[in-house]
Amino acid sequence: MALAKLDVVVLDCPDPRALAGFYASVLGGTVEADQEDGEWVDLKVPGGPALAFQRAPGYVAPKWPAPQESQQFHLDLRVADLAVAEKGVLELGARPLDVEDRERTFRVYADPAGHPFCLCAC
């Protein structure tokens, strides 16, 4: 028997509203800010766990790839068409990290705050 249920994945970032908007454009869903100060913003994702974004003063983006440093975590986002999804995330402000091998079923990007994520046609 499970002791808990995954409720939300929280990402530290310098601008919670902006990063929630980026992921809302990628995943769909509804951005909800509980506080006026924008310190915490939720993204309610249809059919999946919510994402939340919290302001982190002094935030430093993970480095990828960097075997000597932790990437902390990354999101795998399933897509139907890698080329279409890639074009879309780049237009939204993502930065390519590992996209040279066009034969693989995944490509790696950084979101506008520097968190790595993969588009996967798996």
PDB file of N, CA and C in Angstrom:
ATOM      1  N   MET A   1       0.841  -1.186   0.000  1.00  0.00           N
ATOM      2  CA  MET A   1       0.000   0.000   0.000  1.00  0.00           C
ATOM      3  C   MET A   1       0.883   1.244   0.000  1.00  0.00           C
ATOM      4  N   ALA A   2       0.559   2.193  -0.833  1.00  0.00           N
ATOM      5  CA  ALA A   2       1.314   3.442  -0.909  1.00  0.00           C
ATOM      6  C   ALA A   2       1.055   4.296   0.326  1.00  0.00           C
ATOM      7  N   LEU A   3       2.066   4.994   0.742  1.00  0.00           N
ATOM      8  CA  LEU A   3       1.935   5.919   1.865  1.00  0.00           C
ATOM      9  C   LEU A   3       1.510   7.309   1.429  1.00  0.00           C
ATOM     10  N   ALA A   4       1.715   7.611   0.155  1.00  0.00           N
ATOM     11  CA  ALA A   4       1.410   8.949  -0.331  1.00  0.00           C
ATOM     12  C   ALA A   4       1.061   8.893  -1.810  1.00  0.00           C
ATOM     13  N   LYS A   5       0.516   9.989  -2.294  1.00  0.00           N
ATOM     14  CA  LYS A   5       0.182  10.140  -3.708  1.00  0.00           C
ATOM     15  C   LYS A   5       0.876  11.401  -4.214  1.00  0.00           C
ATOM     16  N   LEU A   6       1.512  11.311  -5.382  1.00  0.00           N
ATOM     17  CA  LEU A   6       2.183  12.473  -5.944  1.00  0.00           C
ATOM     18  C   LEU A   6       1.156  13.567  -6.200  1.00  0.00           C
ATOM     19  N   ASP A   7       1.389  14.718  -5.622  1.00  0.00           N
ATOM     20  CA  ASP A   7       0.462  15.834  -5.741  1.00  0.00           C
ATOM     21  C   ASP A   7       0.950  16.863  -6.744  1.00  0.00           C
ATOM     22  N   VAL A   8       2.215  17.261  -6.632  1.00  0.00           N
ATOM     23  CA  VAL A   8       2.733  18.333  -7.471  1.00  0.00           C
ATOM     24  C   VAL A   8       4.250  18.206  -7.568  1.00  0.00           C
ATOM     25  N   VAL A   9       4.796  18.575  -8.718  1.00  0.00           N
ATOM     26  CA  VAL A   9       6.242  18.677  -8.913  1.00  0.00           C
ATOM     27  C   VAL A   9       6.552  20.168  -8.883  1.00  0.00           C
ATOM     28  N   VAL A  10       7.499  20.578  -8.024  1.00  0.00           N
ATOM     29  CA  VAL A  10       7.801  21.989  -7.808  1.00  0.00           C
ATOM     30  C   VAL A  10       9.166  22.327  -8.404  1.00  0.00           C
ATOM     31  N   LEU A  11       9.214  23.382  -9.198  1.00  0.00           N
ATOM     32  CA  LEU A  11      10.459  23.847  -9.798  1.00  0.00           C
ATOM     33  C   LEU A  11      10.832  25.199  -9.207  1.00  0.00           C
ATOM     34  N   ASP A  12      12.050  25.311  -8.685  1.00  0.00           N
ATOM     35  CA  ASP A  12      12.579  26.612  -8.283  1.00  0.00           C
ATOM     36  C   ASP A  12      12.911  27.406  -9.534  1.00  0.00           C
ATOM     37  N   CYS A  13      12.751  28.713  -9.463  1.00  0.00           N
ATOM     38  CA  CYS A  13      13.044  29.561 -10.620  1.00  0.00           C
ATOM     39  C   CYS A  13      13.065  31.022 -10.197  1.00  0.00           C
ATOM     40  N   PRO A  14      13.578  31.894 -11.059  1.00  0.00           N
ATOM     41  CA  PRO A  14      13.589  33.314 -10.715  1.00  0.00           C
ATOM     42  C   PRO A  14      12.242  34.016 -10.943  1.00  0.00           C
ATOM     43  N   ASP A  15      11.408  33.512 -11.870  1.00  0.00           N
ATOM     44  CA  ASP A  15      10.144  34.170 -12.210  1.00  0.00           C
ATOM     45  C   ASP A  15       9.051  33.114 -12.377  1.00  0.00           C
ATOM     46  N   PRO A  16       8.334  32.788 -11.291  1.00  0.00           N
ATOM     47  CA  PRO A  16       7.329  31.725 -11.350  1.00  0.00           C
ATOM     48  C   PRO A  16       6.239  31.936 -12.402  1.00  0.00           C
ATOM     49  N   ARG A  17       5.749  33.143 -12.549  1.00  0.00           N
ATOM     50  CA  ARG A  17       4.674  33.389 -13.535  1.00  0.00           C
ATOM     51  C   ARG A  17       5.169  33.125 -14.955  1.00  0.00           C
ATOM     52  N   ALA A  18       6.360  33.584 -15.263  1.00  0.00           N
ATOM     53  CA  ALA A  18       6.895  33.400 -16.614  1.00  0.00           C
ATOM     54  C   ALA A  18       7.131  31.926 -16.914  1.00  0.00           C
ATOM     55  N   LEU A  19       7.710  31.188 -15.966  1.00  0.00           N
ATOM     56  CA  LEU A  19       7.985  29.779 -16.219  1.00  0.00           C
ATOM     57  C   LEU A  19       6.697  28.966 -16.275  1.00  0.00           C
ATOM     58  N   ALA A  20       5.714  29.299 -15.450  1.00  0.00           N
ATOM     59  CA  ALA A  20       4.406  28.636 -15.533  1.00  0.00           C
ATOM     60  C   ALA A  20       3.774  28.895 -16.895  1.00  0.00           C
ATOM     61  N   GLY A  21       3.919  30.105 -17.413  1.00  0.00           N
ATOM     62  CA  GLY A  21       3.394  30.429 -18.730  1.00  0.00           C
ATOM     63  C   GLY A  21       4.071  29.627 -19.832  1.00  0.00           C
ATOM     64  N   PHE A  22       5.396  29.438 -19.720  1.00  0.00           N
ATOM     65  CA  PHE A  22       6.127  28.621 -20.690  1.00  0.00           C
ATOM     66  C   PHE A  22       5.554  27.211 -20.709  1.00  0.00           C
ATOM     67  N   TYR A  23       5.451  26.578 -19.525  1.00  0.00           N
ATOM     68  CA  TYR A  23       4.959  25.198 -19.477  1.00  0.00           C
ATOM     69  C   TYR A  23       3.481  25.098 -19.828  1.00  0.00           C
ATOM     70  N   ALA A  24       2.688  26.120 -19.547  1.00  0.00           N
ATOM     71  CA  ALA A  24       1.279  26.112 -19.967  1.00  0.00           C
ATOM     72  C   ALA A  24       1.198  26.106 -21.491  1.00  0.00           C
ATOM     73  N   SER A  25       2.098  26.826 -22.152  1.00  0.00           N
ATOM     74  CA  SER A  25       2.111  26.829 -23.615  1.00  0.00           C
ATOM     75  C   SER A  25       2.560  25.489 -24.180  1.00  0.00           C
ATOM     76  N   VAL A  26       3.430  24.792 -23.451  1.00  0.00           N
ATOM     77  CA  VAL A  26       3.919  23.490 -23.901  1.00  0.00           C
ATOM     78  C   VAL A  26       2.910  22.380 -23.601  1.00  0.00           C
ATOM     79  N   LEU A  27       2.368  22.363 -22.380  1.00  0.00           N
ATOM     80  CA  LEU A  27       1.543  21.246 -21.906  1.00  0.00           C
ATOM     81  C   LEU A  27       0.044  21.524 -21.904  1.00  0.00           C
ATOM     82  N   GLY A  28      -0.350  22.768 -22.026  1.00  0.00           N
ATOM     83  CA  GLY A  28      -1.739  23.133 -21.811  1.00  0.00           C
ATOM     84  C   GLY A  28      -1.969  23.309 -20.323  1.00  0.00           C
ATOM     85  N   GLY A  29      -3.187  23.504 -19.938  1.00  0.00           N
ATOM     86  CA  GLY A  29      -3.500  23.631 -18.526  1.00  0.00           C
ATOM     87  C   GLY A  29      -3.816  25.057 -18.128  1.00  0.00           C
ATOM     88  N   THR A  30      -4.004  25.219 -16.829  1.00  0.00           N
ATOM     89  CA  THR A  30      -4.430  26.491 -16.267  1.00  0.00           C
ATOM     90  C   THR A  30      -3.411  26.977 -15.258  1.00  0.00           C
ATOM     91  N   VAL A  31      -2.958  28.208 -15.430  1.00  0.00           N
ATOM     92  CA  VAL A  31      -2.029  28.826 -14.486  1.00  0.00           C
ATOM     93  C   VAL A  31      -2.851  29.477 -13.381  1.00  0.00           C
ATOM     94  N   GLU A  32      -2.490  29.166 -12.127  1.00  0.00           N
ATOM     95  CA  GLU A  32      -3.196  29.720 -10.975  1.00  0.00           C
ATOM     96  C   GLU A  32      -2.176  30.252  -9.983  1.00  0.00           C
ATOM     97  N   ALA A  33      -2.282  31.531  -9.657  1.00  0.00           N
ATOM     98  CA  ALA A  33      -1.410  32.138  -8.657  1.00  0.00           C
ATOM     99  C   ALA A  33      -2.233  32.370  -7.399  1.00  0.00           C
ATOM    100  N   ASP A  34      -1.859  31.686  -6.312  1.00  0.00           N
ATOM    101  CA  ASP A  34      -2.594  31.829  -5.060  1.00  0.00           C
ATOM    102  C   ASP A  34      -2.259  33.128  -4.342  1.00  0.00           C
ATOM    103  N   GLN A  35      -1.089  33.658  -4.645  1.00  0.00           N
ATOM    104  CA  GLN A  35      -0.632  34.838  -3.924  1.00  0.00           C
ATOM    105  C   GLN A  35      -0.403  35.984  -4.898  1.00  0.00           C
ATOM    106  N   GLU A  36      -0.668  37.192  -4.457  1.00  0.00           N
ATOM    107  CA  GLU A  36      -0.457  38.381  -5.284  1.00  0.00           C
ATOM    108  C   GLU A  36       1.018  38.608  -5.591  1.00  0.00           C
ATOM    109  N   ASP A  37       1.888  38.187  -4.690  1.00  0.00           N
ATOM    110  CA  ASP A  37       3.313  38.482  -4.849  1.00  0.00           C
ATOM    111  C   ASP A  37       4.004  37.590  -5.878  1.00  0.00           C
ATOM    112  N   GLY A  38       3.324  36.559  -6.379  1.00  0.00           N
ATOM    113  CA  GLY A  38       3.898  35.708  -7.405  1.00  0.00           C
ATOM    114  C   GLY A  38       5.017  34.810  -6.926  1.00  0.00           C
ATOM    115  N   GLU A  39       5.113  34.591  -5.629  1.00  0.00           N
ATOM    116  CA  GLU A  39       6.163  33.724  -5.080  1.00  0.00           C
ATOM    117  C   GLU A  39       5.906  32.257  -5.413  1.00  0.00           C
ATOM    118  N   TRP A  40       4.660  31.881  -5.634  1.00  0.00           N
ATOM    119  CA  TRP A  40       4.261  30.500  -5.926  1.00  0.00           C
ATOM    120  C   TRP A  40       3.166  30.527  -6.967  1.00  0.00           C
ATOM    121  N   VAL A  41       3.336  29.763  -8.043  1.00  0.00           N
ATOM    122  CA  VAL A  41       2.335  29.692  -9.105  1.00  0.00           C
ATOM    123  C   VAL A  41       2.134  28.227  -9.458  1.00  0.00           C
ATOM    124  N   ASP A  42       0.879  27.815  -9.579  1.00  0.00           N
ATOM    125  CA  ASP A  42       0.542  26.439  -9.947  1.00  0.00           C
ATOM    126  C   ASP A  42       0.149  26.370 -11.419  1.00  0.00           C
ATOM    127  N   LEU A  43       0.451  25.224 -12.026  1.00  0.00           N
ATOM    128  CA  LEU A  43      -0.040  24.905 -13.358  1.00  0.00           C
ATOM    129  C   LEU A  43      -0.800  23.594 -13.242  1.00  0.00           C
ATOM    130  N   LYS A  44      -2.108  23.653 -13.386  1.00  0.00           N
ATOM    131  CA  LYS A  44      -2.955  22.470 -13.363  1.00  0.00           C
ATOM    132  C   LYS A  44      -2.931  21.860 -14.760  1.00  0.00           C
ATOM    133  N   VAL A  45      -2.298  20.704 -14.891  1.00  0.00           N
ATOM    134  CA  VAL A  45      -2.092  20.059 -16.185  1.00  0.00           C
ATOM    135  C   VAL A  45      -3.189  19.027 -16.406  1.00  0.00           C
ATOM    136  N   PRO A  46      -3.875  19.058 -17.552  1.00  0.00           N
ATOM    137  CA  PRO A  46      -4.929  18.077 -17.810  1.00  0.00           C
ATOM    138  C   PRO A  46      -4.355  16.658 -17.843  1.00  0.00           C
ATOM    139  N   GLY A  47      -4.955  15.769 -17.083  1.00  0.00           N
ATOM    140  CA  GLY A  47      -4.578  14.353 -17.114  1.00  0.00           C
ATOM    141  C   GLY A  47      -3.230  14.029 -16.503  1.00  0.00           C
ATOM    142  N   GLY A  48      -2.674  14.906 -15.702  1.00  0.00           N
ATOM    143  CA  GLY A  48      -1.379  14.616 -15.104  1.00  0.00           C
ATOM    144  C   GLY A  48      -1.198  15.367 -13.808  1.00  0.00           C
ATOM    145  N   PRO A  49      -0.081  15.110 -13.141  1.00  0.00           N
ATOM    146  CA  PRO A  49       0.170  15.849 -11.899  1.00  0.00           C
ATOM    147  C   PRO A  49       0.402  17.330 -12.200  1.00  0.00           C
ATOM    148  N   ALA A  50       0.113  18.148 -11.232  1.00  0.00           N
ATOM    149  CA  ALA A  50       0.324  19.582 -11.376  1.00  0.00           C
ATOM    150  C   ALA A  50       1.814  19.901 -11.306  1.00  0.00           C
ATOM    151  N   LEU A  51       2.175  21.014 -11.910  1.00  0.00           N
ATOM    152  CA  LEU A  51       3.505  21.587 -11.748  1.00  0.00           C
ATOM    153  C   LEU A  51       3.336  22.868 -10.950  1.00  0.00           C
ATOM    154  N   ALA A  52       4.286  23.155 -10.097  1.00  0.00           N
ATOM    155  CA  ALA A  52       4.278  24.408  -9.355  1.00  0.00           C
ATOM    156  C   ALA A  52       5.641  25.059  -9.519  1.00  0.00           C
ATOM    157  N   PHE A  53       5.651  26.370  -9.408  1.00  0.00           N
ATOM    158  CA  PHE A  53       6.860  27.140  -9.613  1.00  0.00           C
ATOM    159  C   PHE A  53       7.002  28.088  -8.435  1.00  0.00           C
ATOM    160  N   GLN A  54       8.167  28.029  -7.773  1.00  0.00           N
ATOM    161  CA  GLN A  54       8.373  28.909  -6.629  1.00  0.00           C
ATOM    162  C   GLN A  54       9.607  29.765  -6.856  1.00  0.00           C
ATOM    163  N   ARG A  55       9.481  31.034  -6.454  1.00  0.00           N
ATOM    164  CA  ARG A  55      10.598  31.967  -6.602  1.00  0.00           C
ATOM    165  C   ARG A  55      11.725  31.523  -5.677  1.00  0.00           C
ATOM    166  N   ALA A  56      12.922  31.478  -6.223  1.00  0.00           N
ATOM    167  CA  ALA A  56      14.102  31.094  -5.466  1.00  0.00           C
ATOM    168  C   ALA A  56      15.148  32.197  -5.624  1.00  0.00           C
ATOM    169  N   PRO A  57      15.299  33.043  -4.604  1.00  0.00           N
ATOM    170  CA  PRO A  57      16.323  34.088  -4.685  1.00  0.00           C
ATOM    171  C   PRO A  57      17.698  33.452  -4.891  1.00  0.00           C
ATOM    172  N   GLY A  58      18.461  34.009  -5.777  1.00  0.00           N
ATOM    173  CA  GLY A  58      19.793  33.464  -6.045  1.00  0.00           C
ATOM    174  C   GLY A  58      19.773  32.179  -6.850  1.00  0.00           C
ATOM    175  N   TYR A  59      18.665  31.896  -7.532  1.00  0.00           N
ATOM    176  CA  TYR A  59      18.541  30.670  -8.318  1.00  0.00           C
ATOM    177  C   TYR A  59      19.692  30.529  -9.301  1.00  0.00           C
ATOM    178  N   VAL A  60      20.261  29.335  -9.365  1.00  0.00           N
ATOM    179  CA  VAL A  60      21.299  29.009 -10.337  1.00  0.00           C
ATOM    180  C   VAL A  60      20.814  27.789 -11.109  1.00  0.00           C
ATOM    181  N   ALA A  61      20.743  27.901 -12.416  1.00  0.00           N
ATOM    182  CA  ALA A  61      20.258  26.803 -13.253  1.00  0.00           C
ATOM    183  C   ALA A  61      21.221  25.626 -13.203  1.00  0.00           C
ATOM    184  N   PRO A  62      20.683  24.402 -13.287  1.00  0.00           N
ATOM    185  CA  PRO A  62      21.566  23.236 -13.349  1.00  0.00           C
ATOM    186  C   PRO A  62      22.373  23.254 -14.638  1.00  0.00           C
ATOM    187  N   LYS A  63      23.514  22.611 -14.606  1.00  0.00           N
ATOM    188  CA  LYS A  63      24.349  22.510 -15.804  1.00  0.00           C
ATOM    189  C   LYS A  63      24.112  21.158 -16.448  1.00  0.00           C
ATOM    190  N   TRP A  64      24.030  21.133 -17.770  1.00  0.00           N
ATOM    191  CA  TRP A  64      23.812  19.882 -18.486  1.00  0.00           C
ATOM    192  C   TRP A  64      24.592  19.914 -19.776  1.00  0.00           C
ATOM    193  N   PRO A  65      25.278  18.875 -20.136  1.00  0.00           N
ATOM    194  CA  PRO A  65      25.663  17.772 -19.255  1.00  0.00           C
ATOM    195  C   PRO A  65      26.873  18.186 -18.431  1.00  0.00           C
ATOM    196  N   ALA A  66      26.918  17.755 -17.232  1.00  0.00           N
ATOM    197  CA  ALA A  66      28.029  18.058 -16.338  1.00  0.00           C
ATOM    198  C   ALA A  66      28.169  16.895 -15.357  1.00  0.00           C
ATOM    199  N   PRO A  67      28.964  15.890 -15.695  1.00  0.00           N
ATOM    200  CA  PRO A  67      29.087  14.718 -14.837  1.00  0.00           C
ATOM    201  C   PRO A  67      29.529  15.053 -13.412  1.00  0.00           C
ATOM    202  N   GLN A  68      30.250  16.157 -13.243  1.00  0.00           N
ATOM    203  CA  GLN A  68      30.728  16.522 -11.917  1.00  0.00           C
ATOM    204  C   GLN A  68      29.675  17.261 -11.092  1.00  0.00           C
ATOM    205  N   GLU A  69      28.541  17.623 -11.721  1.00  0.00           N
ATOM    206  CA  GLU A  69      27.477  18.330 -11.017  1.00  0.00           C
ATOM    207  C   GLU A  69      26.135  17.659 -11.281  1.00  0.00           C
ATOM    208  N   SER A  70      25.234  17.784 -10.355  1.00  0.00           N
ATOM    209  CA  SER A  70      23.914  17.185 -10.489  1.00  0.00           C
ATOM    210  C   SER A  70      23.030  18.047 -11.383  1.00  0.00           C
ATOM    211  N   GLN A  71      22.232  17.402 -12.241  1.00  0.00           N
ATOM    212  CA  GLN A  71      21.238  18.153 -13.010  1.00  0.00           C
ATOM    213  C   GLN A  71      19.966  18.336 -12.187  1.00  0.00           C
ATOM    214  N   GLN A  72      19.910  17.790 -10.988  1.00  0.00           N
ATOM    215  CA  GLN A  72      18.815  17.910 -10.034  1.00  0.00           C
ATOM    216  C   GLN A  72      17.612  17.075 -10.431  1.00  0.00           C
ATOM    217  N   PHE A  73      17.045  17.269 -11.560  1.00  0.00           N
ATOM    218  CA  PHE A  73      15.944  16.471 -12.093  1.00  0.00           C
ATOM    219  C   PHE A  73      15.716  16.933 -13.519  1.00  0.00           C
ATOM    220  N   HIS A  74      14.887  16.200 -14.262  1.00  0.00           N
ATOM    221  CA  HIS A  74      14.432  16.700 -15.547  1.00  0.00           C
ATOM    222  C   HIS A  74      13.064  16.120 -15.842  1.00  0.00           C
ATOM    223  N   LEU A  75      12.333  16.773 -16.718  1.00  0.00           N
ATOM    224  CA  LEU A  75      11.014  16.311 -17.127  1.00  0.00           C
ATOM    225  C   LEU A  75      11.123  15.637 -18.486  1.00  0.00           C
ATOM    226  N   ASP A  76      10.469  14.499 -18.640  1.00  0.00           N
ATOM    227  CA  ASP A  76      10.310  13.853 -19.940  1.00  0.00           C
ATOM    228  C   ASP A  76       8.896  14.144 -20.419  1.00  0.00           C
ATOM    229  N   LEU A  77       8.782  14.793 -21.563  1.00  0.00           N
ATOM    230  CA  LEU A  77       7.486  15.172 -22.116  1.00  0.00           C
ATOM    231  C   LEU A  77       7.245  14.379 -23.395  1.00  0.00           C
ATOM    232  N   ARG A  78       6.213  13.553 -23.386  1.00  0.00           N
ATOM    233  CA  ARG A  78       5.894  12.709 -24.539  1.00  0.00           C
ATOM    234  C   ARG A  78       5.230  13.554 -25.623  1.00  0.00           C
ATOM    235  N   VAL A  79       5.679  13.376 -26.870  1.00  0.00           N
ATOM    236  CA  VAL A  79       5.129  14.135 -28.007  1.00  0.00           C
ATOM    237  C   VAL A  79       4.835  13.188 -29.157  1.00  0.00           C
ATOM    238  N   ALA A  80       3.930  13.583 -30.015  1.00  0.00           N
ATOM    239  CA  ALA A  80       3.590  12.770 -31.185  1.00  0.00           C
ATOM    240  C   ALA A  80       4.579  13.007 -32.320  1.00  0.00           C
ATOM    241  N   ASP A  81       5.101  14.228 -32.442  1.00  0.00           N
ATOM    242  CA  ASP A  81       5.986  14.578 -33.547  1.00  0.00           C
ATOM    243  C   ASP A  81       7.121  15.437 -33.007  1.00  0.00           C
ATOM    244  N   LEU A  82       8.330  14.886 -32.993  1.00  0.00           N
ATOM    245  CA  LEU A  82       9.486  15.607 -32.440  1.00  0.00           C
ATOM    246  C   LEU A  82       9.750  16.924 -33.172  1.00  0.00           C
ATOM    247  N   ALA A  83       9.672  16.925 -34.470  1.00  0.00           N
ATOM    248  CA  ALA A  83       9.976  18.138 -35.236  1.00  0.00           C
ATOM    249  C   ALA A  83       8.997  19.263 -34.908  1.00  0.00           C
ATOM    250  N   VAL A  84       7.728  18.939 -34.849  1.00  0.00           N
ATOM    251  CA  VAL A  84       6.710  19.945 -34.544  1.00  0.00           C
ATOM    252  C   VAL A  84       6.885  20.457 -33.113  1.00  0.00           C
ATOM    253  N   ALA A  85       7.081  19.533 -32.168  1.00  0.00           N
ATOM    254  CA  ALA A  85       7.255  19.924 -30.764  1.00  0.00           C
ATOM    255  C   ALA A  85       8.526  20.752 -30.583  1.00  0.00           C
ATOM    256  N   GLU A  86       9.605  20.351 -31.263  1.00  0.00           N
ATOM    257  CA  GLU A  86      10.853  21.103 -31.163  1.00  0.00           C
ATOM    258  C   GLU A  86      10.666  22.543 -31.640  1.00  0.00           C
ATOM    259  N   LYS A  87      10.050  22.707 -32.779  1.00  0.00           N
ATOM    260  CA  LYS A  87       9.804  24.053 -33.306  1.00  0.00           C
ATOM    261  C   LYS A  87       9.013  24.881 -32.298  1.00  0.00           C
ATOM    262  N   GLY A  88       8.009  24.267 -31.704  1.00  0.00           N
ATOM    263  CA  GLY A  88       7.167  24.972 -30.743  1.00  0.00           C
ATOM    264  C   GLY A  88       7.905  25.394 -29.489  1.00  0.00           C
ATOM    265  N   VAL A  89       8.683  24.484 -28.880  1.00  0.00           N
ATOM    266  CA  VAL A  89       9.368  24.852 -27.627  1.00  0.00           C
ATOM    267  C   VAL A  89      10.456  25.884 -27.882  1.00  0.00           C
ATOM    268  N   LEU A  90      11.106  25.819 -29.045  1.00  0.00           N
ATOM    269  CA  LEU A  90      12.127  26.826 -29.362  1.00  0.00           C
ATOM    270  C   LEU A  90      11.489  28.202 -29.538  1.00  0.00           C
ATOM    271  N   GLU A  91      10.319  28.256 -30.165  1.00  0.00           N
ATOM    272  CA  GLU A  91       9.599  29.533 -30.317  1.00  0.00           C
ATOM    273  C   GLU A  91       9.173  30.094 -28.969  1.00  0.00           C
ATOM    274  N   LEU A  92       8.947  29.212 -27.984  1.00  0.00           N
ATOM    275  CA  LEU A  92       8.531  29.646 -26.646  1.00  0.00           C
ATOM    276  C   LEU A  92       9.701  30.050 -25.762  1.00  0.00           C
ATOM    277  N   GLY A  93      10.930  29.833 -26.236  1.00  0.00           N
ATOM    278  CA  GLY A  93      12.089  30.265 -25.453  1.00  0.00           C
ATOM    279  C   GLY A  93      12.965  29.158 -24.912  1.00  0.00           C
ATOM    280  N   ALA A  94      12.687  27.910 -25.271  1.00  0.00           N
ATOM    281  CA  ALA A  94      13.569  26.813 -24.850  1.00  0.00           C
ATOM    282  C   ALA A  94      14.899  26.934 -25.586  1.00  0.00           C
ATOM    283  N   ARG A  95      15.922  26.337 -24.990  1.00  0.00           N
ATOM    284  CA  ARG A  95      17.264  26.349 -25.580  1.00  0.00           C
ATOM    285  C   ARG A  95      17.700  24.905 -25.796  1.00  0.00           C
ATOM    286  N   PRO A  96      18.199  24.547 -26.984  1.00  0.00           N
ATOM    287  CA  PRO A  96      18.633  23.162 -27.224  1.00  0.00           C
ATOM    288  C   PRO A  96      19.878  22.828 -26.406  1.00  0.00           C
ATOM    289  N   LEU A  97      19.880  21.635 -25.830  1.00  0.00           N
ATOM    290  CA  LEU A  97      21.050  21.144 -25.096  1.00  0.00           C
ATOM    291  C   LEU A  97      21.697  19.960 -25.805  1.00  0.00           C
ATOM    292  N   ASP A  98      20.869  19.047 -26.324  1.00  0.00           N
ATOM    293  CA  ASP A  98      21.394  17.860 -26.995  1.00  0.00           C
ATOM    294  C   ASP A  98      20.376  17.416 -28.037  1.00  0.00           C
ATOM    295  N   VAL A  99      20.524  17.934 -29.245  1.00  0.00           N
ATOM    296  CA  VAL A  99      19.551  17.654 -30.297  1.00  0.00           C
ATOM    297  C   VAL A  99      20.207  17.210 -31.600  1.00  0.00           C
ATOM    298  N   GLU A 100      21.518  17.021 -31.570  1.00  0.00           N
ATOM    299  CA  GLU A 100      22.244  16.723 -32.805  1.00  0.00           C
ATOM    300  C   GLU A 100      21.866  15.381 -33.421  1.00  0.00           C
ATOM    301  N   ASP A 101      21.667  14.353 -32.594  1.00  0.00           N
ATOM    302  CA  ASP A 101      21.341  13.016 -33.099  1.00  0.00           C
ATOM    303  C   ASP A 101      19.853  12.968 -33.443  1.00  0.00           C
ATOM    304  N   ARG A 102      19.533  13.197 -34.701  1.00  0.00           N
ATOM    305  CA  ARG A 102      18.148  13.277 -35.151  1.00  0.00           C
ATOM    306  C   ARG A 102      17.506  11.895 -35.288  1.00  0.00           C
ATOM    307  N   GLU A 103      18.272  10.824 -35.114  1.00  0.00           N
ATOM    308  CA  GLU A 103      17.741   9.460 -35.210  1.00  0.00           C
ATOM    309  C   GLU A 103      17.181   8.970 -33.876  1.00  0.00           C
ATOM    310  N   ARG A 104      17.585   9.603 -32.767  1.00  0.00           N
ATOM    311  CA  ARG A 104      17.091   9.187 -31.448  1.00  0.00           C
ATOM    312  C   ARG A 104      15.612   9.532 -31.295  1.00  0.00           C
ATOM    313  N   THR A 105      14.984   8.885 -30.332  1.00  0.00           N
ATOM    314  CA  THR A 105      13.569   9.141 -30.066  1.00  0.00           C
ATOM    315  C   THR A 105      13.371  10.252 -29.039  1.00  0.00           C
ATOM    316  N   PHE A 106      14.434  10.954 -28.658  1.00  0.00           N
ATOM    317  CA  PHE A 106      14.311  12.059 -27.703  1.00  0.00           C
ATOM    318  C   PHE A 106      15.325  13.152 -28.039  1.00  0.00           C
ATOM    319  N   ARG A 107      15.020  14.363 -27.550  1.00  0.00           N
ATOM    320  CA  ARG A 107      15.925  15.512 -27.665  1.00  0.00           C
ATOM    321  C   ARG A 107      15.854  16.286 -26.357  1.00  0.00           C
ATOM    322  N   VAL A 108      16.976  16.906 -25.992  1.00  0.00           N
ATOM    323  CA  VAL A 108      17.090  17.563 -24.688  1.00  0.00           C
ATOM    324  C   VAL A 108      17.177  19.082 -24.870  1.00  0.00           C
ATOM    325  N   TYR A 109      16.415  19.791 -24.048  1.00  0.00           N
ATOM    326  CA  TYR A 109      16.339  21.250 -24.082  1.00  0.00           C
ATOM    327  C   TYR A 109      16.443  21.788 -22.661  1.00  0.00           C
ATOM    328  N   ALA A 110      16.628  23.093 -22.546  1.00  0.00           N
ATOM    329  CA  ALA A 110      16.504  23.788 -21.266  1.00  0.00           C
ATOM    330  C   ALA A 110      15.323  24.736 -21.377  1.00  0.00           C
ATOM    331  N   ASP A 111      14.512  24.802 -20.323  1.00  0.00           N
ATOM    332  CA  ASP A 111      13.425  25.773 -20.304  1.00  0.00           C
ATOM    333  C   ASP A 111      14.016  27.167 -20.089  1.00  0.00           C
ATOM    334  N   PRO A 112      13.203  28.225 -20.116  1.00  0.00           N
ATOM    335  CA  PRO A 112      13.760  29.570 -19.972  1.00  0.00           C
ATOM    336  C   PRO A 112      14.512  29.822 -18.658  1.00  0.00           C
ATOM    337  N   ALA A 113      14.261  29.023 -17.624  1.00  0.00           N
ATOM    338  CA  ALA A 113      14.999  29.173 -16.367  1.00  0.00           C
ATOM    339  C   ALA A 113      16.198  28.233 -16.295  1.00  0.00           C
ATOM    340  N   GLY A 114      16.399  27.410 -17.327  1.00  0.00           N
ATOM    341  CA  GLY A 114      17.571  26.539 -17.373  1.00  0.00           C
ATOM    342  C   GLY A 114      17.358  25.097 -16.953  1.00  0.00           C
ATOM    343  N   HIS A 115      16.135  24.707 -16.558  1.00  0.00           N
ATOM    344  CA  HIS A 115      15.864  23.316 -16.185  1.00  0.00           C
ATOM    345  C   HIS A 115      15.894  22.444 -17.433  1.00  0.00           C
ATOM    346  N   PRO A 116      16.609  21.323 -17.401  1.00  0.00           N
ATOM    347  CA  PRO A 116      16.586  20.440 -18.559  1.00  0.00           C
ATOM    348  C   PRO A 116      15.250  19.701 -18.673  1.00  0.00           C
ATOM    349  N   PHE A 117      14.815  19.486 -19.922  1.00  0.00           N
ATOM    350  CA  PHE A 117      13.660  18.629 -20.175  1.00  0.00           C
ATOM    351  C   PHE A 117      13.853  17.950 -21.513  1.00  0.00           C
ATOM    352  N   CYS A 118      13.214  16.805 -21.676  1.00  0.00           N
ATOM    353  CA  CYS A 118      13.324  16.041 -22.916  1.00  0.00           C
ATOM    354  C   CYS A 118      11.974  15.993 -23.610  1.00  0.00           C
ATOM    355  N   LEU A 119      12.002  16.145 -24.917  1.00  0.00           N
ATOM    356  CA  LEU A 119      10.850  15.814 -25.742  1.00  0.00           C
ATOM    357  C   LEU A 119      11.079  14.390 -26.210  1.00  0.00           C
ATOM    358  N   CYS A 120      10.122  13.515 -25.956  1.00  0.00           N
ATOM    359  CA  CYS A 120      10.283  12.092 -26.243  1.00  0.00           C
ATOM    360  C   CYS A 120       9.164  11.613 -27.149  1.00  0.00           C
ATOM    361  N   ALA A 121       9.535  11.008 -28.264  1.00  0.00           N
ATOM    362  CA  ALA A 121       8.574  10.353 -29.143  1.00  0.00           C
ATOM    363  C   ALA A 121       8.779   8.859 -28.942  1.00  0.00           C
ATOM    364  N   CYS A 122       8.496   8.398 -27.738  1.00  0.00           N
ATOM    365  CA  CYS A 122       8.782   7.012 -27.336  1.00  0.00           C
ATOM    366  C   CYS A 122       7.543   6.151 -27.449  1.00  0.00           C
TER     367      CYS A 122
END
